[in-house]
Amino acid sequence: MDTRPSWDEYFMQIARDVATRATCLRRHVGAVIVRDRRILSTGYNGSPPGQPHCTDVGCLMEDGRCIRTLHAEQNAIIQAALHGVSTEGATLYGTCRPCHVCARMVVGAGIRRVVFEGERPDGWGLDVLQGAGVELVQMPDEKTTGAGGLILR
């Protein structure tokens, strides 16, 4: 009997580890972009290069949200682009659901599958992902035991 984690569980754990690098005081989020079981790029929520981090100067709040940082998904997609790595047909693993801005970036980057923890995407973000045919897989919370995830249609 194979006791190793599934590929989704494996890459989600890596996304959780990536989240530990986040510099926002309010939330730590990690993302990993994978194709053919190979990591293409990672990202965590943090300030753009050369800009002050929330951990150094505090959060920059607007409408109840910190706007100082880039989202983990954005940073992972930006890093892939910066280094000339195609994300076409890839899977993005994220420690939370993608927001509507990240959903648009996922679709624009050609990512075909999103595996996430937490709440299901809603509103326009969900519409964008479903409209583009992106497969959504909701994993159990890291504290929940059990295998696999729920595929959302």
N, C-alpha and C. Protein backbone atom coordinates (compact mmCIF):
# COMPACT_ATOMS: atom_id res chain seq x y z
N MET A 1 0.84 -1.19 0.00
CA MET A 1 0.00 0.00 0.00
C MET A 1 0.88 1.25 0.00
N ASP A 2 0.58 2.16 -0.89
CA ASP A 2 1.35 3.40 -1.01
C ASP A 2 0.84 4.41 0.01
N THR A 3 1.70 4.83 0.91
CA THR A 3 1.30 5.78 1.95
C THR A 3 1.76 7.21 1.62
N ARG A 4 2.35 7.37 0.44
CA ARG A 4 2.78 8.70 0.04
C ARG A 4 1.56 9.58 -0.24
N PRO A 5 1.72 10.89 -0.09
CA PRO A 5 0.59 11.78 -0.42
C PRO A 5 0.32 11.75 -1.92
N SER A 6 -0.92 12.06 -2.29
CA SER A 6 -1.25 12.22 -3.71
C SER A 6 -0.45 13.41 -4.26
N TRP A 7 -0.39 13.53 -5.56
CA TRP A 7 0.32 14.68 -6.15
C TRP A 7 -0.32 15.99 -5.71
N ASP A 8 -1.66 16.04 -5.67
CA ASP A 8 -2.32 17.26 -5.21
C ASP A 8 -1.95 17.58 -3.77
N GLU A 9 -1.95 16.59 -2.90
CA GLU A 9 -1.57 16.81 -1.50
C GLU A 9 -0.11 17.26 -1.39
N TYR A 10 0.75 16.65 -2.19
CA TYR A 10 2.18 16.98 -2.18
C TYR A 10 2.41 18.44 -2.57
N PHE A 11 1.82 18.86 -3.69
CA PHE A 11 2.05 20.23 -4.15
C PHE A 11 1.33 21.25 -3.27
N MET A 12 0.21 20.86 -2.67
CA MET A 12 -0.48 21.77 -1.74
C MET A 12 0.38 21.99 -0.49
N GLN A 13 1.05 20.94 -0.03
CA GLN A 13 1.94 21.12 1.12
C GLN A 13 3.09 22.07 0.77
N ILE A 14 3.59 21.97 -0.43
CA ILE A 14 4.64 22.91 -0.86
C ILE A 14 4.09 24.33 -0.89
N ALA A 15 2.85 24.51 -1.35
CA ALA A 15 2.24 25.84 -1.34
C ALA A 15 2.13 26.38 0.09
N ARG A 16 1.79 25.50 1.03
CA ARG A 16 1.74 25.92 2.44
C ARG A 16 3.13 26.36 2.93
N ASP A 17 4.15 25.62 2.52
CA ASP A 17 5.52 25.99 2.90
C ASP A 17 5.91 27.33 2.28
N VAL A 18 5.54 27.55 1.01
CA VAL A 18 5.83 28.82 0.34
C VAL A 18 5.16 29.96 1.09
N ALA A 19 3.95 29.73 1.60
CA ALA A 19 3.21 30.77 2.33
C ALA A 19 3.96 31.29 3.55
N THR A 20 4.86 30.48 4.09
CA THR A 20 5.60 30.92 5.28
C THR A 20 6.54 32.09 4.96
N ARG A 21 6.81 32.37 3.70
CA ARG A 21 7.64 33.50 3.29
C ARG A 21 6.86 34.80 3.15
N ALA A 22 5.53 34.74 3.25
CA ALA A 22 4.68 35.92 3.06
C ALA A 22 5.06 37.04 4.02
N THR A 23 4.92 38.27 3.56
CA THR A 23 5.30 39.42 4.39
C THR A 23 4.11 40.29 4.79
N CYS A 24 2.90 39.88 4.44
CA CYS A 24 1.72 40.61 4.88
C CYS A 24 1.39 40.18 6.30
N LEU A 25 1.06 41.13 7.14
CA LEU A 25 0.74 40.84 8.54
C LEU A 25 -0.63 40.21 8.70
N ARG A 26 -1.50 40.41 7.74
CA ARG A 26 -2.89 39.97 7.87
C ARG A 26 -3.13 38.54 7.42
N ARG A 27 -2.37 38.10 6.43
CA ARG A 27 -2.63 36.77 5.87
C ARG A 27 -1.39 36.26 5.15
N HIS A 28 -1.11 34.98 5.31
CA HIS A 28 0.00 34.33 4.60
C HIS A 28 -0.59 33.37 3.58
N VAL A 29 -0.28 33.61 2.31
CA VAL A 29 -0.81 32.79 1.21
C VAL A 29 0.36 32.35 0.35
N GLY A 30 0.31 31.10 -0.12
CA GLY A 30 1.33 30.57 -1.01
C GLY A 30 0.70 29.99 -2.27
N ALA A 31 1.46 30.01 -3.36
CA ALA A 31 1.00 29.44 -4.63
C ALA A 31 2.16 28.73 -5.31
N VAL A 32 1.84 27.64 -5.98
CA VAL A 32 2.82 26.87 -6.74
C VAL A 32 2.20 26.56 -8.10
N ILE A 33 2.94 26.82 -9.16
CA ILE A 33 2.47 26.48 -10.50
C ILE A 33 3.25 25.26 -10.97
N VAL A 34 2.51 24.25 -11.43
CA VAL A 34 3.08 22.94 -11.77
C VAL A 34 2.57 22.49 -13.14
N ARG A 35 3.45 21.87 -13.90
CA ARG A 35 3.04 21.18 -15.14
C ARG A 35 3.82 19.89 -15.23
N ASP A 36 3.15 18.82 -15.58
CA ASP A 36 3.79 17.51 -15.71
C ASP A 36 4.56 17.13 -14.44
N ARG A 37 3.96 17.42 -13.29
CA ARG A 37 4.53 17.10 -11.97
C ARG A 37 5.87 17.78 -11.71
N ARG A 38 6.09 18.91 -12.36
CA ARG A 38 7.32 19.69 -12.18
C ARG A 38 6.93 21.11 -11.78
N ILE A 39 7.60 21.64 -10.76
CA ILE A 39 7.32 23.00 -10.31
C ILE A 39 7.89 23.99 -11.31
N LEU A 40 7.03 24.89 -11.80
CA LEU A 40 7.44 25.93 -12.73
C LEU A 40 7.77 27.23 -12.01
N SER A 41 6.98 27.54 -10.97
CA SER A 41 7.14 28.81 -10.29
C SER A 41 6.42 28.75 -8.95
N THR A 42 6.85 29.61 -8.03
CA THR A 42 6.17 29.75 -6.74
C THR A 42 5.96 31.23 -6.46
N GLY A 43 5.03 31.52 -5.56
CA GLY A 43 4.80 32.90 -5.16
C GLY A 43 4.10 32.95 -3.82
N TYR A 44 4.32 34.03 -3.11
CA TYR A 44 3.63 34.27 -1.84
C TYR A 44 3.21 35.73 -1.84
N ASN A 45 2.26 36.07 -0.96
CA ASN A 45 1.84 37.46 -0.93
C ASN A 45 2.91 38.30 -0.25
N GLY A 46 3.32 39.32 -0.96
CA GLY A 46 4.38 40.20 -0.49
C GLY A 46 4.49 41.40 -1.41
N SER A 47 5.21 42.38 -0.98
CA SER A 47 5.37 43.61 -1.74
C SER A 47 6.19 43.39 -3.01
N PRO A 48 5.97 44.23 -4.02
CA PRO A 48 6.80 44.14 -5.23
C PRO A 48 8.27 44.37 -4.87
N PRO A 49 9.18 43.85 -5.69
CA PRO A 49 10.61 44.03 -5.41
C PRO A 49 10.97 45.50 -5.19
N GLY A 50 11.79 45.73 -4.15
CA GLY A 50 12.26 47.07 -3.85
C GLY A 50 11.29 47.93 -3.05
N GLN A 51 10.10 47.40 -2.77
CA GLN A 51 9.10 48.15 -2.02
C GLN A 51 9.09 47.68 -0.56
N PRO A 52 8.68 48.53 0.36
CA PRO A 52 8.64 48.11 1.77
C PRO A 52 7.59 47.02 1.99
N HIS A 53 7.88 46.15 2.93
CA HIS A 53 6.98 45.05 3.26
C HIS A 53 6.10 45.43 4.45
N CYS A 54 4.94 44.81 4.53
CA CYS A 54 4.03 45.04 5.67
C CYS A 54 4.73 44.71 6.98
N THR A 55 5.58 43.69 6.97
CA THR A 55 6.28 43.32 8.19
C THR A 55 7.22 44.42 8.66
N ASP A 56 7.63 45.31 7.75
CA ASP A 56 8.54 46.40 8.09
C ASP A 56 7.82 47.71 8.40
N VAL A 57 6.76 48.02 7.64
CA VAL A 57 6.10 49.32 7.76
C VAL A 57 4.60 49.24 8.02
N GLY A 58 4.07 48.06 8.16
CA GLY A 58 2.64 47.90 8.39
C GLY A 58 1.86 47.75 7.11
N CYS A 59 0.63 47.31 7.26
CA CYS A 59 -0.25 47.11 6.10
C CYS A 59 -0.75 48.46 5.59
N LEU A 60 -0.99 48.55 4.31
CA LEU A 60 -1.55 49.73 3.66
C LEU A 60 -3.00 49.39 3.34
N MET A 61 -3.91 49.87 4.17
CA MET A 61 -5.31 49.45 4.10
C MET A 61 -6.14 50.38 3.21
N GLU A 62 -7.00 49.74 2.40
CA GLU A 62 -7.98 50.45 1.58
C GLU A 62 -9.21 49.57 1.49
N ASP A 63 -10.34 50.09 1.87
CA ASP A 63 -11.60 49.34 1.86
C ASP A 63 -11.49 48.02 2.62
N GLY A 64 -10.78 48.03 3.76
CA GLY A 64 -10.66 46.85 4.60
C GLY A 64 -9.69 45.80 4.10
N ARG A 65 -8.91 46.12 3.07
CA ARG A 65 -7.94 45.16 2.52
C ARG A 65 -6.56 45.81 2.44
N CYS A 66 -5.55 44.97 2.61
CA CYS A 66 -4.18 45.46 2.45
C CYS A 66 -3.86 45.51 0.95
N ILE A 67 -3.44 46.68 0.49
CA ILE A 67 -3.12 46.83 -0.94
C ILE A 67 -1.62 46.96 -1.19
N ARG A 68 -0.82 46.79 -0.16
CA ARG A 68 0.63 46.91 -0.31
C ARG A 68 1.21 45.72 -1.07
N THR A 69 0.61 44.55 -0.92
CA THR A 69 1.21 43.33 -1.44
C THR A 69 0.57 42.85 -2.73
N LEU A 70 1.35 42.11 -3.48
CA LEU A 70 0.84 41.32 -4.59
C LEU A 70 0.33 40.00 -4.02
N HIS A 71 -0.67 39.43 -4.64
CA HIS A 71 -1.18 38.14 -4.19
C HIS A 71 -0.21 37.03 -4.59
N ALA A 72 -0.29 35.92 -3.89
CA ALA A 72 0.60 34.79 -4.15
C ALA A 72 0.48 34.30 -5.60
N GLU A 73 -0.75 34.21 -6.09
CA GLU A 73 -0.97 33.76 -7.47
C GLU A 73 -0.33 34.73 -8.46
N GLN A 74 -0.49 36.02 -8.19
CA GLN A 74 0.11 37.03 -9.06
C GLN A 74 1.63 36.90 -9.07
N ASN A 75 2.22 36.76 -7.89
CA ASN A 75 3.68 36.62 -7.82
C ASN A 75 4.17 35.37 -8.53
N ALA A 76 3.46 34.27 -8.42
CA ALA A 76 3.87 33.04 -9.11
C ALA A 76 3.81 33.22 -10.63
N ILE A 77 2.74 33.84 -11.11
CA ILE A 77 2.60 34.08 -12.56
C ILE A 77 3.65 35.07 -13.04
N ILE A 78 3.89 36.13 -12.27
CA ILE A 78 4.90 37.13 -12.63
C ILE A 78 6.29 36.50 -12.68
N GLN A 79 6.62 35.66 -11.70
CA GLN A 79 7.93 35.01 -11.68
C GLN A 79 8.13 34.11 -12.90
N ALA A 80 7.08 33.38 -13.27
CA ALA A 80 7.18 32.54 -14.46
C ALA A 80 7.44 33.41 -15.69
N ALA A 81 6.69 34.50 -15.83
CA ALA A 81 6.86 35.39 -16.98
C ALA A 81 8.24 36.03 -16.99
N LEU A 82 8.70 36.47 -15.83
CA LEU A 82 10.01 37.12 -15.71
C LEU A 82 11.14 36.20 -16.18
N HIS A 83 10.98 34.91 -15.94
CA HIS A 83 12.02 33.95 -16.29
C HIS A 83 11.71 33.17 -17.57
N GLY A 84 10.71 33.61 -18.32
CA GLY A 84 10.40 33.01 -19.61
C GLY A 84 9.85 31.60 -19.52
N VAL A 85 9.11 31.29 -18.47
CA VAL A 85 8.55 29.95 -18.28
C VAL A 85 7.07 29.99 -18.63
N SER A 86 6.67 29.22 -19.63
CA SER A 86 5.27 29.16 -20.03
C SER A 86 4.44 28.45 -18.96
N THR A 87 3.27 28.99 -18.68
CA THR A 87 2.34 28.36 -17.74
C THR A 87 1.15 27.73 -18.48
N GLU A 88 1.21 27.68 -19.79
CA GLU A 88 0.14 27.10 -20.60
C GLU A 88 -0.13 25.67 -20.16
N GLY A 89 -1.39 25.38 -19.83
CA GLY A 89 -1.79 24.03 -19.47
C GLY A 89 -1.39 23.60 -18.06
N ALA A 90 -0.91 24.52 -17.25
CA ALA A 90 -0.41 24.17 -15.91
C ALA A 90 -1.54 24.11 -14.89
N THR A 91 -1.16 23.65 -13.69
CA THR A 91 -2.03 23.65 -12.52
C THR A 91 -1.45 24.63 -11.51
N LEU A 92 -2.32 25.43 -10.91
CA LEU A 92 -1.91 26.34 -9.84
C LEU A 92 -2.46 25.79 -8.53
N TYR A 93 -1.59 25.62 -7.55
CA TYR A 93 -1.96 25.21 -6.20
C TYR A 93 -1.90 26.45 -5.33
N GLY A 94 -2.99 26.75 -4.61
CA GLY A 94 -3.01 27.93 -3.75
C GLY A 94 -3.62 27.62 -2.40
N THR A 95 -3.12 28.30 -1.39
CA THR A 95 -3.61 28.05 -0.04
C THR A 95 -4.91 28.79 0.26
N CYS A 96 -5.46 29.49 -0.72
CA CYS A 96 -6.80 30.06 -0.61
C CYS A 96 -7.38 30.18 -2.01
N ARG A 97 -8.65 30.50 -2.07
CA ARG A 97 -9.31 30.65 -3.38
C ARG A 97 -8.78 31.87 -4.11
N PRO A 98 -8.74 31.83 -5.42
CA PRO A 98 -8.29 33.01 -6.16
C PRO A 98 -9.37 34.10 -6.16
N CYS A 99 -8.93 35.34 -6.00
CA CYS A 99 -9.84 36.48 -6.09
C CYS A 99 -10.16 36.73 -7.57
N HIS A 100 -11.01 37.71 -7.84
CA HIS A 100 -11.40 37.97 -9.23
C HIS A 100 -10.22 38.48 -10.07
N VAL A 101 -9.29 39.21 -9.48
CA VAL A 101 -8.12 39.68 -10.23
C VAL A 101 -7.21 38.49 -10.56
N CYS A 102 -6.94 37.65 -9.56
CA CYS A 102 -6.11 36.47 -9.79
C CYS A 102 -6.77 35.50 -10.76
N ALA A 103 -8.09 35.39 -10.69
CA ALA A 103 -8.82 34.52 -11.62
C ALA A 103 -8.56 34.96 -13.07
N ARG A 104 -8.61 36.25 -13.31
CA ARG A 104 -8.34 36.77 -14.66
C ARG A 104 -6.91 36.48 -15.08
N MET A 105 -5.97 36.62 -14.16
CA MET A 105 -4.57 36.33 -14.47
C MET A 105 -4.36 34.84 -14.75
N VAL A 106 -5.01 33.99 -14.00
CA VAL A 106 -4.94 32.54 -14.21
C VAL A 106 -5.39 32.21 -15.64
N VAL A 107 -6.53 32.75 -16.02
CA VAL A 107 -7.06 32.50 -17.37
C VAL A 107 -6.11 33.06 -18.42
N GLY A 108 -5.63 34.29 -18.21
CA GLY A 108 -4.72 34.91 -19.17
C GLY A 108 -3.40 34.17 -19.30
N ALA A 109 -2.96 33.52 -18.24
CA ALA A 109 -1.69 32.78 -18.25
C ALA A 109 -1.83 31.37 -18.81
N GLY A 110 -3.06 30.99 -19.17
CA GLY A 110 -3.26 29.66 -19.77
C GLY A 110 -3.29 28.52 -18.77
N ILE A 111 -3.42 28.84 -17.50
CA ILE A 111 -3.50 27.81 -16.45
C ILE A 111 -4.86 27.14 -16.57
N ARG A 112 -4.88 25.81 -16.59
CA ARG A 112 -6.10 25.06 -16.86
C ARG A 112 -6.75 24.43 -15.63
N ARG A 113 -6.05 24.44 -14.51
CA ARG A 113 -6.56 23.77 -13.31
C ARG A 113 -6.09 24.56 -12.09
N VAL A 114 -7.00 24.76 -11.13
CA VAL A 114 -6.66 25.44 -9.88
C VAL A 114 -7.09 24.55 -8.72
N VAL A 115 -6.12 24.21 -7.88
CA VAL A 115 -6.37 23.43 -6.67
C VAL A 115 -6.16 24.37 -5.51
N PHE A 116 -7.15 24.46 -4.62
CA PHE A 116 -7.10 25.45 -3.56
C PHE A 116 -7.68 24.91 -2.27
N GLU A 117 -7.35 25.59 -1.19
CA GLU A 117 -7.93 25.30 0.12
C GLU A 117 -8.88 26.44 0.49
N GLY A 118 -9.76 26.16 1.42
CA GLY A 118 -10.65 27.20 1.92
C GLY A 118 -11.93 27.27 1.13
N GLU A 119 -12.51 28.46 1.16
CA GLU A 119 -13.81 28.67 0.54
C GLU A 119 -13.75 28.58 -0.98
N ARG A 120 -14.87 28.20 -1.55
CA ARG A 120 -15.02 28.14 -3.00
C ARG A 120 -15.01 29.57 -3.58
N PRO A 121 -14.38 29.75 -4.74
CA PRO A 121 -14.45 31.08 -5.37
C PRO A 121 -15.92 31.46 -5.59
N ASP A 122 -16.19 32.74 -5.55
CA ASP A 122 -17.56 33.17 -5.79
C ASP A 122 -17.57 34.38 -6.69
N GLY A 123 -18.76 34.84 -7.02
CA GLY A 123 -18.92 36.05 -7.81
C GLY A 123 -18.23 35.98 -9.16
N TRP A 124 -17.69 37.14 -9.53
CA TRP A 124 -17.11 37.26 -10.86
C TRP A 124 -15.88 36.39 -11.03
N GLY A 125 -15.09 36.19 -9.97
CA GLY A 125 -13.93 35.32 -10.06
C GLY A 125 -14.31 33.91 -10.48
N LEU A 126 -15.37 33.37 -9.89
CA LEU A 126 -15.86 32.05 -10.26
C LEU A 126 -16.37 32.05 -11.69
N ASP A 127 -17.10 33.09 -12.07
CA ASP A 127 -17.62 33.19 -13.44
C ASP A 127 -16.49 33.17 -14.46
N VAL A 128 -15.42 33.90 -14.18
CA VAL A 128 -14.28 33.97 -15.11
C VAL A 128 -13.63 32.60 -15.26
N LEU A 129 -13.38 31.94 -14.14
CA LEU A 129 -12.72 30.63 -14.18
C LEU A 129 -13.60 29.59 -14.88
N GLN A 130 -14.87 29.54 -14.52
CA GLN A 130 -15.77 28.57 -15.15
C GLN A 130 -15.98 28.88 -16.62
N GLY A 131 -16.09 30.16 -16.95
CA GLY A 131 -16.28 30.56 -18.34
C GLY A 131 -15.12 30.16 -19.23
N ALA A 132 -13.93 30.08 -18.66
CA ALA A 132 -12.73 29.69 -19.41
C ALA A 132 -12.49 28.18 -19.35
N GLY A 133 -13.34 27.46 -18.63
CA GLY A 133 -13.17 26.01 -18.54
C GLY A 133 -12.05 25.58 -17.61
N VAL A 134 -11.67 26.43 -16.67
CA VAL A 134 -10.62 26.07 -15.70
C VAL A 134 -11.22 25.10 -14.69
N GLU A 135 -10.57 23.95 -14.51
CA GLU A 135 -11.02 22.98 -13.52
C GLU A 135 -10.67 23.49 -12.12
N LEU A 136 -11.62 23.45 -11.22
CA LEU A 136 -11.42 23.88 -9.84
C LEU A 136 -11.51 22.68 -8.92
N VAL A 137 -10.50 22.51 -8.09
CA VAL A 137 -10.48 21.40 -7.13
C VAL A 137 -10.29 21.99 -5.74
N GLN A 138 -11.28 21.79 -4.88
CA GLN A 138 -11.22 22.30 -3.51
C GLN A 138 -10.69 21.20 -2.61
N MET A 139 -9.52 21.45 -2.01
CA MET A 139 -8.90 20.48 -1.11
C MET A 139 -9.44 20.67 0.30
N PRO A 140 -9.42 19.60 1.08
CA PRO A 140 -9.80 19.77 2.48
C PRO A 140 -8.81 20.69 3.17
N ASP A 141 -9.27 21.39 4.19
CA ASP A 141 -8.40 22.23 4.99
C ASP A 141 -7.24 21.39 5.50
N GLU A 142 -6.04 21.98 5.65
CA GLU A 142 -4.86 21.22 6.05
C GLU A 142 -5.05 20.50 7.39
N LYS A 143 -5.97 20.98 8.23
CA LYS A 143 -6.20 20.34 9.52
C LYS A 143 -7.22 19.20 9.42
N THR A 144 -7.86 19.10 8.26
CA THR A 144 -8.87 18.06 8.04
C THR A 144 -8.20 16.82 7.49
N THR A 145 -8.53 15.68 8.00
CA THR A 145 -7.97 14.46 7.46
C THR A 145 -8.84 13.97 6.33
N GLY A 146 -8.27 13.16 5.49
CA GLY A 146 -8.99 12.63 4.34
C GLY A 146 -8.17 12.81 3.09
N ALA A 147 -8.54 12.12 2.08
CA ALA A 147 -7.76 12.13 0.85
C ALA A 147 -8.53 12.86 -0.24
N GLY A 148 -7.78 13.40 -1.18
CA GLY A 148 -8.35 13.98 -2.36
C GLY A 148 -9.06 15.28 -2.12
N GLY A 149 -9.74 15.75 -3.13
CA GLY A 149 -10.45 17.01 -3.04
C GLY A 149 -11.78 16.92 -3.77
N LEU A 150 -12.58 17.94 -3.62
CA LEU A 150 -13.88 18.03 -4.24
C LEU A 150 -13.72 18.81 -5.54
N ILE A 151 -14.11 18.20 -6.65
CA ILE A 151 -14.03 18.89 -7.93
C ILE A 151 -15.30 19.70 -8.10
N LEU A 152 -15.15 20.99 -8.36
CA LEU A 152 -16.29 21.89 -8.53
C LEU A 152 -16.59 22.05 -10.01
N ARG A 153 -17.80 21.98 -10.35
CA ARG A 153 -18.21 22.15 -11.75
C ARG A 153 -19.00 23.43 -11.90
